[in-house]
Amino acid sequence: MTILVTGAGGFSGRHLIRYLAESSSAEIHCTSLTARAEKNWFACDLTKKKATAALIEQITPRQIYHLAGVNSGDYHTDYRVNVLGTYNILESLAKTRSKCRILVVGSSAEYGFVAEEDNPVREDHPLTPMSVYGLTKVYQTYLMKCYCALHNMDIVMARPFNLLGKSMSGKLFVGRVYEQVEAYRVGRISKVVVGNLQHRRDYIPVEEAVRHYALIMQRGKAGEVYNVGSGVSISIRDLLQRILQENGLSMEVVEERASTGATKFDIKDLVADVAKLRALAND
């Protein structure tokens, strides 16, 4: 079987490729914006319709893990990569009537504001995104549903909550903390600066998340969305302390600065309802 992983050079992509290589005998093909001197690695701009169609025609995958995405905060950038890139993949497969199963990776940012009493959040919770990134991920969800309905395509969606691991983007809390910890250890900074530590979030190690992606790919029902999370939330303070302890540091190196961005839509707690995911594992 041939598998294509988009966004293969990214944080989740690297872990997924490693897991697939260790757990199956499938032939894995990878794509990212830039080429690499590695077997079955292709450079492709998925926002280009012809380039995407040519890549899929060349590889003829039986499964596609669509991880390529961006969280830039700019609508046009996020739309082109997250929405247009997904559309080009689905449209190419629809036109060729390819018997290919696709896993699209969404985001808990699609839920937007969630009241504390609405936790844990189920997949059928209303989607009210409060960011450009979350909005474009909602578009992805409806692209999946549209192509399943119109073309009877075999598409499933993983909707991850917060991922945890080293080498994450510095735009995310965990990534920023790891970057600052390293800078502190080598003497480039004197404090690890953070914002509000009172909120609670559902974090899942990236190694576990990609195993769930594979499970959803193998057993998920076409057209369905599956939350990927731990099912419990942890305070940002406790998470920070855990990361510091891993690196032999304490909260004494931390400088907490009050956040000025709180609004009436400030989300104090967010945790995934993972009953659907657990049901897949028990099938």
C-alpha atoms as a PDB file:
ATOM      1  CA  MET A   1       0.000   0.000   0.000  1.00  0.00           C
ATOM      2  CA  THR A   2       1.152   3.524  -0.802  1.00  0.00           C
ATOM      3  CA  ILE A   3       0.720   6.337   1.728  1.00  0.00           C
ATOM      4  CA  LEU A   4       1.189  10.060   1.102  1.00  0.00           C
ATOM      5  CA  VAL A   5       1.884  12.390   4.030  1.00  0.00           C
ATOM      6  CA  THR A   6       1.502  16.105   3.341  1.00  0.00           C
ATOM      7  CA  GLY A   7       3.239  18.604   5.585  1.00  0.00           C
ATOM      8  CA  ALA A   8       5.773  15.854   6.200  1.00  0.00           C
ATOM      9  CA  GLY A   9       8.485  18.258   7.333  1.00  0.00           C
ATOM     10  CA  GLY A  10       6.354  19.738  10.092  1.00  0.00           C
ATOM     11  CA  PHE A  11       6.199  18.909  13.789  1.00  0.00           C
ATOM     12  CA  SER A  12       3.395  16.342  13.579  1.00  0.00           C
ATOM     13  CA  GLY A  13       4.485  15.094  10.166  1.00  0.00           C
ATOM     14  CA  ARG A  14       7.912  14.012  11.377  1.00  0.00           C
ATOM     15  CA  HIS A  15       6.416  12.006  14.234  1.00  0.00           C
ATOM     16  CA  LEU A  16       3.747  10.450  12.023  1.00  0.00           C
ATOM     17  CA  ILE A  17       6.278   9.304   9.433  1.00  0.00           C
ATOM     18  CA  ARG A  18       8.385   7.702  12.142  1.00  0.00           C
ATOM     19  CA  TYR A  19       5.363   5.896  13.564  1.00  0.00           C
ATOM     20  CA  LEU A  20       4.130   4.660  10.184  1.00  0.00           C
ATOM     21  CA  ALA A  21       7.599   3.431   9.231  1.00  0.00           C
ATOM     22  CA  GLU A  22       7.864   1.454  12.463  1.00  0.00           C
ATOM     23  CA  SER A  23       4.322   0.057  12.524  1.00  0.00           C
ATOM     24  CA  SER A  24       3.583  -0.896   8.921  1.00  0.00           C
ATOM     25  CA  SER A  25       5.148  -2.143   5.711  1.00  0.00           C
ATOM     26  CA  ALA A  26       3.486   0.540   3.601  1.00  0.00           C
ATOM     27  CA  GLU A  27       5.443   2.569   1.078  1.00  0.00           C
ATOM     28  CA  ILE A  28       5.496   6.074   2.524  1.00  0.00           C
ATOM     29  CA  HIS A  29       5.749   9.132   0.290  1.00  0.00           C
ATOM     30  CA  CYS A  30       6.270  12.601   1.727  1.00  0.00           C
ATOM     31  CA  THR A  31       5.655  16.083   0.459  1.00  0.00           C
ATOM     32  CA  SER A  32       6.491  19.566   1.671  1.00  0.00           C
ATOM     33  CA  LEU A  33       7.220  22.916   0.064  1.00  0.00           C
ATOM     34  CA  THR A  34      10.905  22.125  -0.312  1.00  0.00           C
ATOM     35  CA  ALA A  35      12.570  19.014  -1.678  1.00  0.00           C
ATOM     36  CA  ARG A  36      14.814  16.781   0.405  1.00  0.00           C
ATOM     37  CA  ALA A  37      17.501  14.347  -0.594  1.00  0.00           C
ATOM     38  CA  GLU A  38      15.449  11.478   0.781  1.00  0.00           C
ATOM     39  CA  LYS A  39      13.707   8.598  -0.918  1.00  0.00           C
ATOM     40  CA  ASN A  40      10.102   9.283  -1.920  1.00  0.00           C
ATOM     41  CA  TRP A  41      10.218  12.921  -0.837  1.00  0.00           C
ATOM     42  CA  PHE A  42       8.579  15.419  -3.173  1.00  0.00           C
ATOM     43  CA  ALA A  43       8.389  19.193  -3.248  1.00  0.00           C
ATOM     44  CA  CYS A  44       4.885  20.414  -3.988  1.00  0.00           C
ATOM     45  CA  ASP A  45       2.941  23.609  -3.391  1.00  0.00           C
ATOM     46  CA  LEU A  46      -0.504  22.231  -2.626  1.00  0.00           C
ATOM     47  CA  THR A  47      -2.073  25.634  -3.280  1.00  0.00           C
ATOM     48  CA  LYS A  48      -1.275  25.024  -6.958  1.00  0.00           C
ATOM     49  CA  LYS A  49      -4.018  22.918  -8.521  1.00  0.00           C
ATOM     50  CA  LYS A  50      -1.989  21.445 -11.385  1.00  0.00           C
ATOM     51  CA  ALA A  51       1.002  20.643  -9.196  1.00  0.00           C
ATOM     52  CA  THR A  52      -1.216  18.886  -6.672  1.00  0.00           C
ATOM     53  CA  ALA A  53      -2.973  16.852  -9.357  1.00  0.00           C
ATOM     54  CA  ALA A  54       0.363  15.862 -10.898  1.00  0.00           C
ATOM     55  CA  LEU A  55       1.741  14.732  -7.542  1.00  0.00           C
ATOM     56  CA  ILE A  56      -1.272  12.561  -6.797  1.00  0.00           C
ATOM     57  CA  GLU A  57      -1.234  11.112 -10.306  1.00  0.00           C
ATOM     58  CA  GLN A  58       2.462  10.252  -9.946  1.00  0.00           C
ATOM     59  CA  ILE A  59       2.141   8.597  -6.539  1.00  0.00           C
ATOM     60  CA  THR A  60      -1.415   7.172  -6.786  1.00  0.00           C
ATOM     61  CA  PRO A  61      -1.718   6.834  -3.001  1.00  0.00           C
ATOM     62  CA  ARG A  62      -4.250   4.582  -1.297  1.00  0.00           C
ATOM     63  CA  GLN A  63      -4.112   6.715   1.837  1.00  0.00           C
ATOM     64  CA  ILE A  64      -3.356  10.402   2.359  1.00  0.00           C
ATOM     65  CA  TYR A  65      -2.595  11.915   5.743  1.00  0.00           C
ATOM     66  CA  HIS A  66      -3.211  15.606   5.073  1.00  0.00           C
ATOM     67  CA  LEU A  67      -1.194  17.394   7.754  1.00  0.00           C
ATOM     68  CA  ALA A  68      -0.050  20.398   5.710  1.00  0.00           C
ATOM     69  CA  GLY A  69      -1.267  23.607   7.315  1.00  0.00           C
ATOM     70  CA  VAL A  70      -0.295  26.993   8.653  1.00  0.00           C
ATOM     71  CA  ASN A  71      -1.318  29.276  11.515  1.00  0.00           C
ATOM     72  CA  SER A  72      -0.042  32.680  10.439  1.00  0.00           C
ATOM     73  CA  GLY A  73      -2.863  34.890  11.684  1.00  0.00           C
ATOM     74  CA  ASP A  74      -3.205  36.298   8.170  1.00  0.00           C
ATOM     75  CA  TYR A  75      -6.473  35.318   6.512  1.00  0.00           C
ATOM     76  CA  HIS A  76      -5.191  35.121   2.948  1.00  0.00           C
ATOM     77  CA  THR A  77      -2.187  33.001   3.930  1.00  0.00           C
ATOM     78  CA  ASP A  78      -4.152  30.613   6.118  1.00  0.00           C
ATOM     79  CA  TYR A  79      -6.948  30.347   3.557  1.00  0.00           C
ATOM     80  CA  ARG A  80      -4.597  29.481   0.695  1.00  0.00           C
ATOM     81  CA  VAL A  81      -2.734  26.784   2.606  1.00  0.00           C
ATOM     82  CA  ASN A  82      -5.447  25.305   4.823  1.00  0.00           C
ATOM     83  CA  VAL A  83      -8.482  25.602   2.587  1.00  0.00           C
ATOM     84  CA  LEU A  84      -7.271  25.829  -1.000  1.00  0.00           C
ATOM     85  CA  GLY A  85      -4.631  23.146  -0.402  1.00  0.00           C
ATOM     86  CA  THR A  86      -7.290  20.790   0.966  1.00  0.00           C
ATOM     87  CA  TYR A  87      -9.651  21.612  -1.880  1.00  0.00           C
ATOM     88  CA  ASN A  88      -6.985  20.850  -4.492  1.00  0.00           C
ATOM     89  CA  ILE A  89      -6.310  17.430  -2.991  1.00  0.00           C
ATOM     90  CA  LEU A  90      -9.974  16.493  -2.752  1.00  0.00           C
ATOM     91  CA  GLU A  91     -10.796  17.842  -6.194  1.00  0.00           C
ATOM     92  CA  SER A  92      -7.911  15.957  -7.805  1.00  0.00           C
ATOM     93  CA  LEU A  93      -9.067  12.711  -6.230  1.00  0.00           C
ATOM     94  CA  ALA A  94     -12.706  13.360  -7.125  1.00  0.00           C
ATOM     95  CA  LYS A  95     -11.884  13.937 -10.787  1.00  0.00           C
ATOM     96  CA  THR A  96      -9.866  10.743 -11.083  1.00  0.00           C
ATOM     97  CA  ARG A  97     -12.368   8.773  -8.957  1.00  0.00           C
ATOM     98  CA  SER A  98      -9.397   7.460  -7.036  1.00  0.00           C
ATOM     99  CA  LYS A  99     -10.039   4.824  -4.379  1.00  0.00           C
ATOM    100  CA  CYS A 100      -8.056   6.721  -1.798  1.00  0.00           C
ATOM    101  CA  ARG A 101      -8.839   7.249   1.865  1.00  0.00           C
ATOM    102  CA  ILE A 102      -7.984  10.685   3.255  1.00  0.00           C
ATOM    103  CA  LEU A 103      -7.436  11.833   6.813  1.00  0.00           C
ATOM    104  CA  VAL A 104      -7.728  15.602   7.241  1.00  0.00           C
ATOM    105  CA  VAL A 105      -6.327  17.147  10.409  1.00  0.00           C
ATOM    106  CA  GLY A 106      -8.513  19.866  11.869  1.00  0.00           C
ATOM    107  CA  SER A 107      -8.109  21.730  15.164  1.00  0.00           C
ATOM    108  CA  SER A 108      -9.860  22.354  18.470  1.00  0.00           C
ATOM    109  CA  ALA A 109      -9.657  26.024  17.422  1.00  0.00           C
ATOM    110  CA  GLU A 110     -12.778  25.260  15.371  1.00  0.00           C
ATOM    111  CA  TYR A 111     -14.851  25.186  18.573  1.00  0.00           C
ATOM    112  CA  GLY A 112     -13.890  28.730  19.515  1.00  0.00           C
ATOM    113  CA  PHE A 113     -15.473  29.914  22.748  1.00  0.00           C
ATOM    114  CA  VAL A 114     -16.469  27.049  25.046  1.00  0.00           C
ATOM    115  CA  ALA A 115     -18.143  27.739  28.379  1.00  0.00           C
ATOM    116  CA  GLU A 116     -16.725  25.846  31.345  1.00  0.00           C
ATOM    117  CA  GLU A 117     -19.989  23.942  31.798  1.00  0.00           C
ATOM    118  CA  ASP A 118     -19.818  22.677  28.197  1.00  0.00           C
ATOM    119  CA  ASN A 119     -16.699  20.622  28.929  1.00  0.00           C
ATOM    120  CA  PRO A 120     -15.749  18.035  27.885  1.00  0.00           C
ATOM    121  CA  VAL A 121     -16.350  19.205  24.311  1.00  0.00           C
ATOM    122  CA  ARG A 122     -18.008  16.752  21.962  1.00  0.00           C
ATOM    123  CA  GLU A 123     -17.506  16.685  18.212  1.00  0.00           C
ATOM    124  CA  ASP A 124     -21.059  17.966  17.654  1.00  0.00           C
ATOM    125  CA  HIS A 125     -20.458  21.121  19.718  1.00  0.00           C
ATOM    126  CA  PRO A 126     -21.246  24.266  17.656  1.00  0.00           C
ATOM    127  CA  LEU A 127     -18.274  25.578  15.687  1.00  0.00           C
ATOM    128  CA  THR A 128     -17.757  29.257  16.535  1.00  0.00           C
ATOM    129  CA  PRO A 129     -14.092  29.975  15.732  1.00  0.00           C
ATOM    130  CA  MET A 130     -12.479  33.058  17.240  1.00  0.00           C
ATOM    131  CA  SER A 131      -9.363  33.109  15.064  1.00  0.00           C
ATOM    132  CA  VAL A 132      -8.513  33.126  11.386  1.00  0.00           C
ATOM    133  CA  TYR A 133      -6.821  29.762  11.816  1.00  0.00           C
ATOM    134  CA  GLY A 134      -9.895  28.248  13.476  1.00  0.00           C
ATOM    135  CA  LEU A 135     -12.113  29.641  10.726  1.00  0.00           C
ATOM    136  CA  THR A 136     -10.046  28.069   7.961  1.00  0.00           C
ATOM    137  CA  LYS A 137     -10.102  24.743   9.816  1.00  0.00           C
ATOM    138  CA  VAL A 138     -13.915  24.946   9.914  1.00  0.00           C
ATOM    139  CA  TYR A 139     -13.789  25.393   6.134  1.00  0.00           C
ATOM    140  CA  GLN A 140     -11.767  22.174   5.972  1.00  0.00           C
ATOM    141  CA  THR A 141     -14.430  20.354   7.977  1.00  0.00           C
ATOM    142  CA  TYR A 142     -17.140  21.409   5.567  1.00  0.00           C
ATOM    143  CA  LEU A 143     -15.011  20.569   2.548  1.00  0.00           C
ATOM    144  CA  MET A 144     -14.741  17.054   3.937  1.00  0.00           C
ATOM    145  CA  LYS A 145     -18.496  16.796   4.482  1.00  0.00           C
ATOM    146  CA  CYS A 146     -19.225  18.245   1.038  1.00  0.00           C
ATOM    147  CA  TYR A 147     -16.948  15.843  -0.842  1.00  0.00           C
ATOM    148  CA  CYS A 148     -18.210  12.873   1.153  1.00  0.00           C
ATOM    149  CA  ALA A 149     -21.778  13.796   0.230  1.00  0.00           C
ATOM    150  CA  LEU A 150     -21.283  14.854  -3.412  1.00  0.00           C
ATOM    151  CA  HIS A 151     -18.635  12.363  -4.508  1.00  0.00           C
ATOM    152  CA  ASN A 152     -19.024   9.571  -1.960  1.00  0.00           C
ATOM    153  CA  MET A 153     -15.382  10.029  -1.014  1.00  0.00           C
ATOM    154  CA  ASP A 154     -13.718   8.223   1.864  1.00  0.00           C
ATOM    155  CA  ILE A 155     -12.605  11.068   4.159  1.00  0.00           C
ATOM    156  CA  VAL A 156     -12.250  11.235   7.942  1.00  0.00           C
ATOM    157  CA  MET A 157     -11.108  14.039  10.213  1.00  0.00           C
ATOM    158  CA  ALA A 158      -8.936  14.094  13.314  1.00  0.00           C
ATOM    159  CA  ARG A 159      -9.534  17.196  15.438  1.00  0.00           C
ATOM    160  CA  PRO A 160      -6.531  17.481  17.788  1.00  0.00           C
ATOM    161  CA  PHE A 161      -6.451  19.598  20.907  1.00  0.00           C
ATOM    162  CA  ASN A 162      -3.099  20.875  22.229  1.00  0.00           C
ATOM    163  CA  LEU A 163      -0.057  18.873  21.210  1.00  0.00           C
ATOM    164  CA  LEU A 164       2.900  18.458  23.514  1.00  0.00           C
ATOM    165  CA  GLY A 165       6.513  17.896  22.516  1.00  0.00           C
ATOM    166  CA  LYS A 166       9.843  19.494  21.776  1.00  0.00           C
ATOM    167  CA  SER A 167      10.598  21.390  18.540  1.00  0.00           C
ATOM    168  CA  MET A 168       7.095  22.823  18.300  1.00  0.00           C
ATOM    169  CA  SER A 169       6.467  26.177  16.680  1.00  0.00           C
ATOM    170  CA  GLY A 170       7.404  29.124  18.860  1.00  0.00           C
ATOM    171  CA  LYS A 171       3.955  30.568  18.103  1.00  0.00           C
ATOM    172  CA  LEU A 172       2.501  28.036  20.534  1.00  0.00           C
ATOM    173  CA  PHE A 173       2.906  28.133  24.311  1.00  0.00           C
ATOM    174  CA  VAL A 174       4.844  24.886  24.605  1.00  0.00           C
ATOM    175  CA  GLY A 175       7.150  25.822  21.741  1.00  0.00           C
ATOM    176  CA  ARG A 176       7.846  29.243  23.249  1.00  0.00           C
ATOM    177  CA  VAL A 177       8.644  27.694  26.619  1.00  0.00           C
ATOM    178  CA  TYR A 178      11.083  25.162  25.168  1.00  0.00           C
ATOM    179  CA  GLU A 179      12.780  27.900  23.131  1.00  0.00           C
ATOM    180  CA  GLN A 180      13.148  30.131  26.196  1.00  0.00           C
ATOM    181  CA  VAL A 181      14.367  27.280  28.381  1.00  0.00           C
ATOM    182  CA  GLU A 182      17.140  26.580  25.887  1.00  0.00           C
ATOM    183  CA  ALA A 183      17.976  30.290  25.675  1.00  0.00           C
ATOM    184  CA  TYR A 184      18.111  30.486  29.473  1.00  0.00           C
ATOM    185  CA  ARG A 185      20.383  27.457  29.762  1.00  0.00           C
ATOM    186  CA  VAL A 186      22.945  29.022  27.416  1.00  0.00           C
ATOM    187  CA  GLY A 187      22.707  32.450  29.048  1.00  0.00           C
ATOM    188  CA  ARG A 188      20.934  34.381  26.290  1.00  0.00           C
ATOM    189  CA  ILE A 189      18.058  35.388  28.567  1.00  0.00           C
ATOM    190  CA  SER A 190      17.760  35.844  32.349  1.00  0.00           C
ATOM    191  CA  LYS A 191      14.074  34.907  32.718  1.00  0.00           C
ATOM    192  CA  VAL A 192      11.489  32.667  31.074  1.00  0.00           C
ATOM    193  CA  VAL A 193       8.668  35.106  30.385  1.00  0.00           C
ATOM    194  CA  VAL A 194       5.083  33.817  30.286  1.00  0.00           C
ATOM    195  CA  GLY A 195       1.559  35.173  30.406  1.00  0.00           C
ATOM    196  CA  ASN A 196      -1.552  33.919  32.201  1.00  0.00           C
ATOM    197  CA  LEU A 197      -0.905  30.557  33.870  1.00  0.00           C
ATOM    198  CA  GLN A 198      -4.367  30.028  35.363  1.00  0.00           C
ATOM    199  CA  HIS A 199      -6.134  28.593  32.318  1.00  0.00           C
ATOM    200  CA  ARG A 200      -6.513  24.872  31.761  1.00  0.00           C
ATOM    201  CA  ARG A 201      -6.060  23.016  28.484  1.00  0.00           C
ATOM    202  CA  ASP A 202      -6.134  19.451  27.186  1.00  0.00           C
ATOM    203  CA  TYR A 203      -2.607  18.452  26.159  1.00  0.00           C
ATOM    204  CA  ILE A 204      -1.596  15.217  24.484  1.00  0.00           C
ATOM    205  CA  PRO A 205       1.954  14.101  23.601  1.00  0.00           C
ATOM    206  CA  VAL A 206       2.477  14.279  19.858  1.00  0.00           C
ATOM    207  CA  GLU A 207       3.607  10.642  19.815  1.00  0.00           C
ATOM    208  CA  GLU A 208       0.202   9.587  21.126  1.00  0.00           C
ATOM    209  CA  ALA A 209      -1.642  11.955  18.800  1.00  0.00           C
ATOM    210  CA  VAL A 210      -0.136  10.481  15.638  1.00  0.00           C
ATOM    211  CA  ARG A 211      -0.993   6.965  16.817  1.00  0.00           C
ATOM    212  CA  HIS A 212      -4.582   8.151  17.095  1.00  0.00           C
ATOM    213  CA  TYR A 213      -4.372   9.612  13.573  1.00  0.00           C
ATOM    214  CA  ALA A 214      -3.429   6.176  12.297  1.00  0.00           C
ATOM    215  CA  LEU A 215      -6.279   4.586  14.259  1.00  0.00           C
ATOM    216  CA  ILE A 216      -8.774   7.048  12.781  1.00  0.00           C
ATOM    217  CA  MET A 217      -7.390   6.371   9.319  1.00  0.00           C
ATOM    218  CA  GLN A 218      -7.841   2.626   9.773  1.00  0.00           C
ATOM    219  CA  ARG A 219     -11.178   2.510  11.587  1.00  0.00           C
ATOM    220  CA  GLY A 220     -12.874   5.906  11.385  1.00  0.00           C
ATOM    221  CA  LYS A 221     -16.209   6.260   9.604  1.00  0.00           C
ATOM    222  CA  ALA A 222     -16.212   8.367   6.435  1.00  0.00           C
ATOM    223  CA  GLY A 223     -17.517  11.869   7.021  1.00  0.00           C
ATOM    224  CA  GLU A 224     -16.972  11.721  10.781  1.00  0.00           C
ATOM    225  CA  VAL A 225     -14.842  13.930  13.044  1.00  0.00           C
ATOM    226  CA  TYR A 226     -12.878  12.490  15.961  1.00  0.00           C
ATOM    227  CA  ASN A 227     -11.454  14.574  18.795  1.00  0.00           C
ATOM    228  CA  VAL A 228      -7.844  13.748  19.586  1.00  0.00           C
ATOM    229  CA  GLY A 229      -6.901  14.652  23.126  1.00  0.00           C
ATOM    230  CA  SER A 230      -6.148  13.214  26.530  1.00  0.00           C
ATOM    231  CA  GLY A 231      -9.656  13.701  27.903  1.00  0.00           C
ATOM    232  CA  VAL A 232      -8.355  15.698  30.888  1.00  0.00           C
ATOM    233  CA  SER A 233      -7.145  19.267  31.273  1.00  0.00           C
ATOM    234  CA  ILE A 234      -4.068  20.558  33.047  1.00  0.00           C
ATOM    235  CA  SER A 235      -3.374  24.071  34.296  1.00  0.00           C
ATOM    236  CA  ILE A 236      -0.840  25.978  32.241  1.00  0.00           C
ATOM    237  CA  ARG A 237       1.107  26.551  35.477  1.00  0.00           C
ATOM    238  CA  ASP A 238       1.387  22.804  36.131  1.00  0.00           C
ATOM    239  CA  LEU A 239       2.421  22.188  32.540  1.00  0.00           C
ATOM    240  CA  LEU A 240       5.108  24.868  32.783  1.00  0.00           C
ATOM    241  CA  GLN A 241       6.430  23.366  36.009  1.00  0.00           C
ATOM    242  CA  ARG A 242       6.617  19.954  34.360  1.00  0.00           C
ATOM    243  CA  ILE A 243       8.657  21.303  31.427  1.00  0.00           C
ATOM    244  CA  LEU A 244      10.981  23.190  33.769  1.00  0.00           C
ATOM    245  CA  GLN A 245      11.551  20.106  35.925  1.00  0.00           C
ATOM    246  CA  GLU A 246      12.428  18.087  32.816  1.00  0.00           C
ATOM    247  CA  ASN A 247      15.227  20.582  32.282  1.00  0.00           C
ATOM    248  CA  GLY A 248      16.398  20.817  35.897  1.00  0.00           C
ATOM    249  CA  LEU A 249      14.835  24.233  36.471  1.00  0.00           C
ATOM    250  CA  SER A 250      12.256  25.666  38.875  1.00  0.00           C
ATOM    251  CA  MET A 251       9.632  28.395  38.803  1.00  0.00           C
ATOM    252  CA  GLU A 252      12.257  30.781  40.154  1.00  0.00           C
ATOM    253  CA  VAL A 253      13.431  31.395  36.581  1.00  0.00           C
ATOM    254  CA  VAL A 254       9.941  32.431  35.479  1.00  0.00           C
ATOM    255  CA  GLU A 255       8.617  35.954  35.083  1.00  0.00           C
ATOM    256  CA  GLU A 256       4.833  36.032  34.807  1.00  0.00           C
ATOM    257  CA  ARG A 257       3.366  39.029  33.032  1.00  0.00           C
ATOM    258  CA  ALA A 258      -0.329  39.793  33.311  1.00  0.00           C
ATOM    259  CA  SER A 259      -2.215  39.304  30.078  1.00  0.00           C
ATOM    260  CA  THR A 260      -3.974  42.359  28.667  1.00  0.00           C
ATOM    261  CA  GLY A 261      -5.892  40.443  26.012  1.00  0.00           C
ATOM    262  CA  ALA A 262      -8.622  38.850  28.158  1.00  0.00           C
ATOM    263  CA  THR A 263     -12.176  39.334  26.868  1.00  0.00           C
ATOM    264  CA  LYS A 264     -15.635  38.051  27.704  1.00  0.00           C
ATOM    265  CA  PHE A 265     -14.739  35.150  25.400  1.00  0.00           C
ATOM    266  CA  ASP A 266     -11.696  34.196  27.465  1.00  0.00           C
ATOM    267  CA  ILE A 267     -11.650  30.376  27.615  1.00  0.00           C
ATOM    268  CA  LYS A 268     -10.727  29.301  31.132  1.00  0.00           C
ATOM    269  CA  ASP A 269     -10.913  25.550  30.523  1.00  0.00           C
ATOM    270  CA  LEU A 270     -11.007  23.360  27.425  1.00  0.00           C
ATOM    271  CA  VAL A 271     -10.990  19.581  27.425  1.00  0.00           C
ATOM    272  CA  ALA A 272     -11.858  17.042  24.744  1.00  0.00           C
ATOM    273  CA  ASP A 273     -14.577  14.450  24.952  1.00  0.00           C
ATOM    274  CA  VAL A 274     -12.710  11.460  23.511  1.00  0.00           C
ATOM    275  CA  ALA A 275     -15.486   8.857  23.764  1.00  0.00           C
ATOM    276  CA  LYS A 276     -15.678   8.449  19.963  1.00  0.00           C
ATOM    277  CA  LEU A 277     -11.937   7.922  19.739  1.00  0.00           C
ATOM    278  CA  ARG A 278     -11.949   5.386  22.552  1.00  0.00           C
ATOM    279  CA  ALA A 279     -14.798   3.524  20.883  1.00  0.00           C
ATOM    280  CA  LEU A 280     -12.637   3.112  17.767  1.00  0.00           C
ATOM    281  CA  ALA A 281      -9.852   1.640  19.852  1.00  0.00           C
ATOM    282  CA  ASN A 282     -12.279  -0.840  21.411  1.00  0.00           C
ATOM    283  CA  ASP A 283     -13.917  -1.959  18.152  1.00  0.00           C
END
